[in-house]
Amino acid sequence: MRIRKIDIGRRKHVSQMTSEEKSVIWKRLNDVQEYEWKMTGHALDRLVEKGIKATKHDVVSTVYNAEIIEYRIVHNARFNSIDERVILRSKAVVNGSFNLNVVFNLTNKRIITVWNNHVKDLHSTLDWSIYSADMKVVGA
C-alpha cells in the first residue's frame, strides 16, 4: 500500500489501530538492524537537555520492550520528503519513575527525538481531535 495523499499530516493513535496495522508496524521496526538505526543531532541534544542517561543502544533497545503510541505521516520540509513516524514508549522504568519515549522515522531509519514521561502519566488530557481513526497505516 502506498501513502495516501489524504493521510499526509495525519496521525493515528494505537487504540484506533487494527491488529494488522500494529503487526505491520512491529514487523517494519523489527526488520531494522541495530547498526542501521541512526540518531539525529536533535535526538542527541534532547538526551543532554533532558538529562536522560541513555546510550544509543539504550534508545534502540526501547523498540524491543516498548508500546506503540501513535503512527503519523508528515511532510519533512527540511528534506522535502514524506516520512512515516512512530512514537514508542518503553515499558522499562528509568531514573526511578520514568519511561523513555522515542520518535522513530520508519522512512529513513532515524531516531528523531526522545523524552521521558512519568510512569503514572496516562495522558488523560490527550486531544483526540488530532487523531484520525480512518487513516491507513502503510502496508496494512
N, C-alpha and C. Protein backbone atom coordinates (compact mmCIF):
# COMPACT_ATOMS: atom_id res chain seq x y z
N MET A 1 0.84 -1.17 0.00
CA MET A 1 0.00 0.00 0.00
C MET A 1 0.90 1.25 0.00
N ARG A 2 0.53 2.21 -0.73
CA ARG A 2 1.27 3.47 -0.81
C ARG A 2 0.64 4.50 0.12
N ILE A 3 1.40 5.53 0.44
CA ILE A 3 0.87 6.60 1.28
C ILE A 3 -0.20 7.34 0.51
N ARG A 4 -1.35 7.47 1.12
CA ARG A 4 -2.43 8.23 0.51
C ARG A 4 -2.21 9.71 0.79
N LYS A 5 -2.40 10.53 -0.22
CA LYS A 5 -2.20 11.97 -0.08
C LYS A 5 -3.03 12.53 1.08
N ILE A 6 -4.23 12.01 1.25
CA ILE A 6 -5.12 12.49 2.31
C ILE A 6 -4.54 12.25 3.71
N ASP A 7 -3.63 11.27 3.85
CA ASP A 7 -3.08 10.93 5.16
C ASP A 7 -1.86 11.75 5.56
N ILE A 8 -1.32 12.53 4.65
CA ILE A 8 -0.17 13.37 4.97
C ILE A 8 -0.59 14.42 6.00
N GLY A 9 0.15 14.47 7.09
CA GLY A 9 -0.17 15.41 8.17
C GLY A 9 -1.12 14.83 9.21
N ARG A 10 -1.51 13.59 9.04
CA ARG A 10 -2.44 12.97 9.97
C ARG A 10 -1.72 12.00 10.90
N ARG A 11 -2.39 11.65 11.99
CA ARG A 11 -1.83 10.68 12.93
C ARG A 11 -2.92 9.74 13.42
N LYS A 12 -2.49 8.57 13.84
CA LYS A 12 -3.42 7.55 14.31
C LYS A 12 -2.91 7.02 15.65
N HIS A 13 -3.77 7.06 16.67
CA HIS A 13 -3.43 6.56 17.99
C HIS A 13 -3.49 5.03 17.98
N VAL A 14 -2.66 4.40 18.78
CA VAL A 14 -2.63 2.93 18.82
C VAL A 14 -4.00 2.33 19.12
N SER A 15 -4.80 3.00 19.94
CA SER A 15 -6.12 2.47 20.29
C SER A 15 -7.07 2.45 19.09
N GLN A 16 -6.71 3.17 18.02
CA GLN A 16 -7.53 3.22 16.81
C GLN A 16 -7.04 2.22 15.75
N MET A 17 -5.93 1.55 16.02
CA MET A 17 -5.33 0.65 15.03
C MET A 17 -5.90 -0.75 15.12
N THR A 18 -5.95 -1.39 13.95
CA THR A 18 -6.33 -2.79 13.91
C THR A 18 -5.11 -3.64 14.31
N SER A 19 -5.36 -4.89 14.60
CA SER A 19 -4.26 -5.82 14.92
C SER A 19 -3.29 -5.90 13.75
N GLU A 20 -3.83 -5.90 12.53
CA GLU A 20 -2.97 -5.97 11.34
C GLU A 20 -2.07 -4.74 11.24
N GLU A 21 -2.61 -3.57 11.51
CA GLU A 21 -1.81 -2.34 11.45
C GLU A 21 -0.68 -2.38 12.47
N LYS A 22 -0.98 -2.81 13.69
CA LYS A 22 0.07 -2.90 14.72
C LYS A 22 1.12 -3.93 14.31
N SER A 23 0.68 -5.04 13.76
CA SER A 23 1.63 -6.08 13.31
C SER A 23 2.55 -5.57 12.22
N VAL A 24 2.01 -4.80 11.29
CA VAL A 24 2.81 -4.23 10.20
C VAL A 24 3.87 -3.29 10.77
N ILE A 25 3.49 -2.46 11.71
CA ILE A 25 4.46 -1.54 12.32
C ILE A 25 5.55 -2.33 13.04
N TRP A 26 5.17 -3.32 13.84
CA TRP A 26 6.17 -4.12 14.56
C TRP A 26 7.10 -4.85 13.61
N LYS A 27 6.55 -5.38 12.53
CA LYS A 27 7.41 -6.07 11.57
C LYS A 27 8.42 -5.11 10.97
N ARG A 28 7.95 -3.94 10.59
CA ARG A 28 8.86 -2.95 10.00
C ARG A 28 9.93 -2.52 11.00
N LEU A 29 9.56 -2.33 12.26
CA LEU A 29 10.54 -1.97 13.28
C LEU A 29 11.55 -3.08 13.51
N ASN A 30 11.06 -4.30 13.61
CA ASN A 30 11.94 -5.43 13.89
C ASN A 30 12.83 -5.79 12.70
N ASP A 31 12.46 -5.38 11.50
CA ASP A 31 13.29 -5.62 10.32
C ASP A 31 14.51 -4.69 10.27
N VAL A 32 14.51 -3.63 11.07
CA VAL A 32 15.63 -2.70 11.10
C VAL A 32 16.72 -3.30 12.00
N GLN A 33 17.90 -3.47 11.44
CA GLN A 33 19.03 -3.97 12.21
C GLN A 33 19.59 -2.84 13.07
N GLU A 34 20.13 -3.17 14.24
CA GLU A 34 20.60 -2.14 15.15
C GLU A 34 21.62 -1.21 14.50
N TYR A 35 22.50 -1.74 13.66
CA TYR A 35 23.51 -0.89 13.03
C TYR A 35 22.89 0.11 12.05
N GLU A 36 21.67 -0.15 11.58
CA GLU A 36 21.01 0.75 10.64
C GLU A 36 20.39 1.97 11.33
N TRP A 37 20.11 1.85 12.61
CA TRP A 37 19.47 2.93 13.34
C TRP A 37 20.44 4.09 13.47
N LYS A 38 19.98 5.27 13.17
CA LYS A 38 20.78 6.49 13.30
C LYS A 38 20.02 7.46 14.21
N MET A 39 20.77 8.21 15.00
CA MET A 39 20.16 9.23 15.85
C MET A 39 20.43 10.59 15.25
N THR A 40 19.39 11.42 15.14
CA THR A 40 19.58 12.77 14.63
C THR A 40 20.30 13.61 15.68
N GLY A 41 20.88 14.70 15.25
CA GLY A 41 21.51 15.63 16.18
C GLY A 41 20.51 16.12 17.22
N HIS A 42 19.28 16.32 16.79
CA HIS A 42 18.23 16.77 17.70
C HIS A 42 18.02 15.75 18.82
N ALA A 43 17.96 14.46 18.47
CA ALA A 43 17.77 13.42 19.48
C ALA A 43 18.93 13.41 20.47
N LEU A 44 20.14 13.55 19.97
CA LEU A 44 21.32 13.58 20.86
C LEU A 44 21.26 14.80 21.77
N ASP A 45 20.85 15.95 21.22
CA ASP A 45 20.72 17.17 22.02
C ASP A 45 19.67 16.99 23.12
N ARG A 46 18.57 16.33 22.79
CA ARG A 46 17.49 16.13 23.76
C ARG A 46 17.96 15.26 24.93
N LEU A 47 18.78 14.26 24.65
CA LEU A 47 19.31 13.42 25.73
C LEU A 47 20.04 14.29 26.75
N VAL A 48 20.85 15.22 26.25
CA VAL A 48 21.61 16.11 27.11
C VAL A 48 20.68 17.10 27.81
N GLU A 49 19.83 17.78 27.02
CA GLU A 49 18.94 18.80 27.57
C GLU A 49 18.05 18.26 28.68
N LYS A 50 17.54 17.06 28.50
CA LYS A 50 16.59 16.47 29.45
C LYS A 50 17.29 15.64 30.54
N GLY A 51 18.62 15.55 30.46
CA GLY A 51 19.37 14.79 31.47
C GLY A 51 19.06 13.31 31.42
N ILE A 52 18.76 12.81 30.24
CA ILE A 52 18.44 11.39 30.07
C ILE A 52 19.76 10.63 29.91
N LYS A 53 20.03 9.77 30.85
CA LYS A 53 21.26 8.99 30.81
C LYS A 53 21.00 7.71 30.02
N ALA A 54 21.23 7.80 28.71
CA ALA A 54 20.97 6.66 27.84
C ALA A 54 21.95 6.70 26.67
N THR A 55 22.43 5.54 26.28
CA THR A 55 23.29 5.41 25.11
C THR A 55 22.41 5.16 23.89
N LYS A 56 23.02 5.19 22.72
CA LYS A 56 22.28 4.86 21.50
C LYS A 56 21.69 3.46 21.64
N HIS A 57 22.47 2.53 22.18
CA HIS A 57 21.99 1.16 22.36
C HIS A 57 20.75 1.14 23.27
N ASP A 58 20.78 1.93 24.35
CA ASP A 58 19.62 2.00 25.25
C ASP A 58 18.38 2.49 24.50
N VAL A 59 18.57 3.52 23.69
CA VAL A 59 17.45 4.10 22.95
C VAL A 59 16.92 3.10 21.93
N VAL A 60 17.83 2.47 21.18
CA VAL A 60 17.41 1.49 20.18
C VAL A 60 16.72 0.30 20.83
N SER A 61 17.21 -0.13 21.99
CA SER A 61 16.61 -1.30 22.64
C SER A 61 15.19 -1.02 23.13
N THR A 62 14.81 0.26 23.19
CA THR A 62 13.44 0.63 23.54
C THR A 62 12.46 -0.10 22.65
N VAL A 63 12.81 -0.25 21.39
CA VAL A 63 11.92 -0.89 20.42
C VAL A 63 11.54 -2.31 20.82
N TYR A 64 12.45 -3.00 21.44
CA TYR A 64 12.20 -4.40 21.77
C TYR A 64 11.45 -4.57 23.09
N ASN A 65 11.22 -3.48 23.79
CA ASN A 65 10.48 -3.53 25.03
C ASN A 65 9.63 -2.26 25.13
N ALA A 66 8.76 -2.08 24.14
CA ALA A 66 8.00 -0.83 24.07
C ALA A 66 6.56 -1.09 23.67
N GLU A 67 5.80 -0.01 23.75
CA GLU A 67 4.43 0.00 23.25
C GLU A 67 4.35 1.05 22.16
N ILE A 68 3.59 0.77 21.13
CA ILE A 68 3.32 1.78 20.11
C ILE A 68 2.36 2.78 20.72
N ILE A 69 2.63 4.07 20.50
CA ILE A 69 1.73 5.11 20.98
C ILE A 69 0.96 5.71 19.80
N GLU A 70 1.68 6.07 18.74
CA GLU A 70 0.99 6.62 17.58
C GLU A 70 1.83 6.43 16.32
N TYR A 71 1.14 6.53 15.20
CA TYR A 71 1.72 6.47 13.87
C TYR A 71 1.30 7.75 13.16
N ARG A 72 2.24 8.34 12.44
CA ARG A 72 1.88 9.55 11.71
C ARG A 72 2.67 9.66 10.42
N ILE A 73 2.09 10.41 9.50
CA ILE A 73 2.75 10.68 8.22
C ILE A 73 2.94 12.19 8.15
N VAL A 74 4.18 12.60 7.95
CA VAL A 74 4.49 14.03 7.96
C VAL A 74 5.22 14.44 6.69
N HIS A 75 5.04 15.71 6.34
CA HIS A 75 5.87 16.28 5.27
C HIS A 75 7.09 16.84 5.96
N ASN A 76 8.26 16.33 5.64
CA ASN A 76 9.51 16.78 6.21
C ASN A 76 10.04 17.89 5.32
N ALA A 77 9.80 19.14 5.73
CA ALA A 77 10.18 20.30 4.91
C ALA A 77 11.69 20.39 4.71
N ARG A 78 12.44 19.98 5.72
CA ARG A 78 13.90 20.07 5.62
C ARG A 78 14.44 19.27 4.45
N PHE A 79 13.88 18.09 4.23
CA PHE A 79 14.35 17.22 3.15
C PHE A 79 13.34 17.10 2.01
N ASN A 80 12.23 17.85 2.12
CA ASN A 80 11.15 17.78 1.15
C ASN A 80 10.75 16.33 0.86
N SER A 81 10.46 15.61 1.94
CA SER A 81 10.08 14.20 1.81
C SER A 81 8.82 13.93 2.62
N ILE A 82 8.20 12.81 2.33
CA ILE A 82 7.05 12.36 3.10
C ILE A 82 7.55 11.20 3.96
N ASP A 83 7.44 11.37 5.29
CA ASP A 83 8.00 10.40 6.22
C ASP A 83 6.92 9.76 7.08
N GLU A 84 7.12 8.49 7.36
CA GLU A 84 6.27 7.77 8.31
C GLU A 84 7.01 7.73 9.64
N ARG A 85 6.32 8.10 10.69
CA ARG A 85 6.94 8.11 12.01
C ARG A 85 6.08 7.35 13.00
N VAL A 86 6.74 6.78 13.97
CA VAL A 86 6.03 6.06 15.02
C VAL A 86 6.60 6.52 16.37
N ILE A 87 5.70 6.71 17.32
CA ILE A 87 6.13 7.03 18.69
C ILE A 87 6.02 5.75 19.50
N LEU A 88 7.11 5.45 20.20
CA LEU A 88 7.20 4.26 21.04
C LEU A 88 7.45 4.68 22.47
N ARG A 89 6.84 3.97 23.40
CA ARG A 89 7.07 4.23 24.83
C ARG A 89 7.60 2.96 25.46
N SER A 90 8.79 3.07 26.03
CA SER A 90 9.42 1.93 26.66
C SER A 90 8.60 1.44 27.85
N LYS A 91 8.59 0.14 28.05
CA LYS A 91 7.94 -0.42 29.24
C LYS A 91 8.90 -0.38 30.43
N ALA A 92 10.20 -0.25 30.14
CA ALA A 92 11.21 -0.20 31.19
C ALA A 92 11.13 1.13 31.94
N VAL A 93 11.41 1.08 33.22
CA VAL A 93 11.42 2.28 34.06
C VAL A 93 12.87 2.75 34.18
N VAL A 94 13.08 4.06 33.91
CA VAL A 94 14.42 4.64 34.03
C VAL A 94 14.37 5.80 35.02
N ASN A 95 15.49 6.14 35.58
CA ASN A 95 15.59 7.25 36.53
C ASN A 95 14.52 7.16 37.62
N GLY A 96 14.21 5.96 38.04
CA GLY A 96 13.30 5.76 39.16
C GLY A 96 11.82 5.69 38.84
N SER A 97 11.33 6.56 37.93
CA SER A 97 9.88 6.55 37.71
C SER A 97 9.47 7.09 36.33
N PHE A 98 10.30 6.87 35.33
CA PHE A 98 10.01 7.39 34.00
C PHE A 98 10.14 6.30 32.93
N ASN A 99 9.40 6.50 31.84
CA ASN A 99 9.53 5.66 30.65
C ASN A 99 10.16 6.51 29.56
N LEU A 100 11.07 5.93 28.80
CA LEU A 100 11.68 6.62 27.67
C LEU A 100 10.74 6.55 26.47
N ASN A 101 10.55 7.67 25.80
CA ASN A 101 9.74 7.74 24.58
C ASN A 101 10.65 8.08 23.42
N VAL A 102 10.39 7.45 22.28
CA VAL A 102 11.23 7.62 21.10
C VAL A 102 10.34 7.87 19.89
N VAL A 103 10.70 8.86 19.07
CA VAL A 103 10.06 9.04 17.77
C VAL A 103 11.02 8.47 16.74
N PHE A 104 10.54 7.45 16.02
CA PHE A 104 11.37 6.78 15.02
C PHE A 104 10.78 7.02 13.64
N ASN A 105 11.64 7.43 12.71
CA ASN A 105 11.24 7.66 11.33
C ASN A 105 11.40 6.34 10.58
N LEU A 106 10.30 5.71 10.23
CA LEU A 106 10.33 4.43 9.51
C LEU A 106 10.90 4.59 8.10
N THR A 107 10.77 5.77 7.53
CA THR A 107 11.19 6.01 6.15
C THR A 107 12.71 6.01 6.02
N ASN A 108 13.39 6.68 6.93
CA ASN A 108 14.85 6.76 6.79
C ASN A 108 15.62 6.16 7.97
N LYS A 109 14.91 5.44 8.82
CA LYS A 109 15.51 4.71 9.95
C LYS A 109 16.30 5.63 10.87
N ARG A 110 15.67 6.74 11.23
CA ARG A 110 16.31 7.72 12.12
C ARG A 110 15.49 7.91 13.39
N ILE A 111 16.20 8.00 14.51
CA ILE A 111 15.56 8.36 15.77
C ILE A 111 15.51 9.88 15.78
N ILE A 112 14.30 10.43 15.73
CA ILE A 112 14.09 11.87 15.58
C ILE A 112 14.28 12.60 16.91
N THR A 113 13.64 12.09 17.96
CA THR A 113 13.73 12.74 19.26
C THR A 113 13.42 11.73 20.36
N VAL A 114 13.73 12.12 21.58
CA VAL A 114 13.47 11.28 22.75
C VAL A 114 13.01 12.18 23.90
N TRP A 115 12.27 11.61 24.83
CA TRP A 115 11.88 12.30 26.05
C TRP A 115 11.43 11.27 27.07
N ASN A 116 11.29 11.68 28.30
CA ASN A 116 10.78 10.83 29.38
C ASN A 116 9.37 11.25 29.74
N ASN A 117 8.55 10.28 30.07
CA ASN A 117 7.22 10.52 30.65
C ASN A 117 7.16 9.77 31.98
N HIS A 118 6.54 10.38 32.96
CA HIS A 118 6.37 9.72 34.24
C HIS A 118 5.50 8.48 34.04
N VAL A 119 5.83 7.40 34.73
CA VAL A 119 5.09 6.15 34.55
C VAL A 119 3.60 6.29 34.86
N LYS A 120 3.24 7.24 35.69
CA LYS A 120 1.83 7.43 36.03
C LYS A 120 1.11 8.38 35.07
N ASP A 121 1.84 8.96 34.12
CA ASP A 121 1.22 9.87 33.15
C ASP A 121 0.50 9.04 32.09
N LEU A 122 -0.82 8.98 32.22
CA LEU A 122 -1.64 8.19 31.29
C LEU A 122 -2.32 9.07 30.24
N HIS A 123 -1.89 10.31 30.15
CA HIS A 123 -2.36 11.24 29.12
C HIS A 123 -3.88 11.43 29.15
N SER A 124 -4.41 11.66 30.33
CA SER A 124 -5.85 11.86 30.47
C SER A 124 -6.32 13.12 29.74
N THR A 125 -5.40 14.02 29.43
CA THR A 125 -5.77 15.26 28.74
C THR A 125 -5.48 15.19 27.24
N LEU A 126 -5.30 14.00 26.72
CA LEU A 126 -5.00 13.81 25.30
C LEU A 126 -6.09 14.44 24.43
N ASP A 127 -5.66 15.16 23.41
CA ASP A 127 -6.59 15.82 22.48
C ASP A 127 -6.91 14.86 21.34
N TRP A 128 -8.05 14.21 21.42
CA TRP A 128 -8.43 13.20 20.42
C TRP A 128 -8.74 13.81 19.06
N SER A 129 -8.94 15.11 19.00
CA SER A 129 -9.27 15.73 17.72
C SER A 129 -8.07 15.72 16.75
N ILE A 130 -6.88 15.46 17.24
CA ILE A 130 -5.70 15.43 16.36
C ILE A 130 -5.48 14.07 15.71
N TYR A 131 -6.30 13.09 16.09
CA TYR A 131 -6.15 11.73 15.56
C TYR A 131 -7.23 11.39 14.54
N SER A 132 -6.87 10.52 13.61
CA SER A 132 -7.79 10.12 12.54
C SER A 132 -7.92 8.60 12.51
N ALA A 133 -9.04 8.12 12.99
CA ALA A 133 -9.27 6.68 13.05
C ALA A 133 -9.32 6.05 11.65
N ASP A 134 -9.71 6.82 10.65
CA ASP A 134 -9.82 6.26 9.30
C ASP A 134 -8.51 6.33 8.51
N MET A 135 -7.48 6.84 9.12
CA MET A 135 -6.15 6.89 8.48
C MET A 135 -5.66 5.47 8.24
N LYS A 136 -4.93 5.27 7.18
CA LYS A 136 -4.39 3.95 6.84
C LYS A 136 -2.92 3.87 7.20
N VAL A 137 -2.54 2.80 7.90
CA VAL A 137 -1.13 2.52 8.17
C VAL A 137 -0.57 1.85 6.92
N VAL A 138 0.50 2.39 6.38
CA VAL A 138 1.07 1.88 5.14
C VAL A 138 1.48 0.42 5.32
N GLY A 139 1.09 -0.41 4.39
CA GLY A 139 1.45 -1.82 4.41
C GLY A 139 0.39 -2.72 5.00
N ALA A 140 -0.60 -2.11 5.68
CA ALA A 140 -1.65 -2.93 6.31
C ALA A 140 -2.80 -3.16 5.33
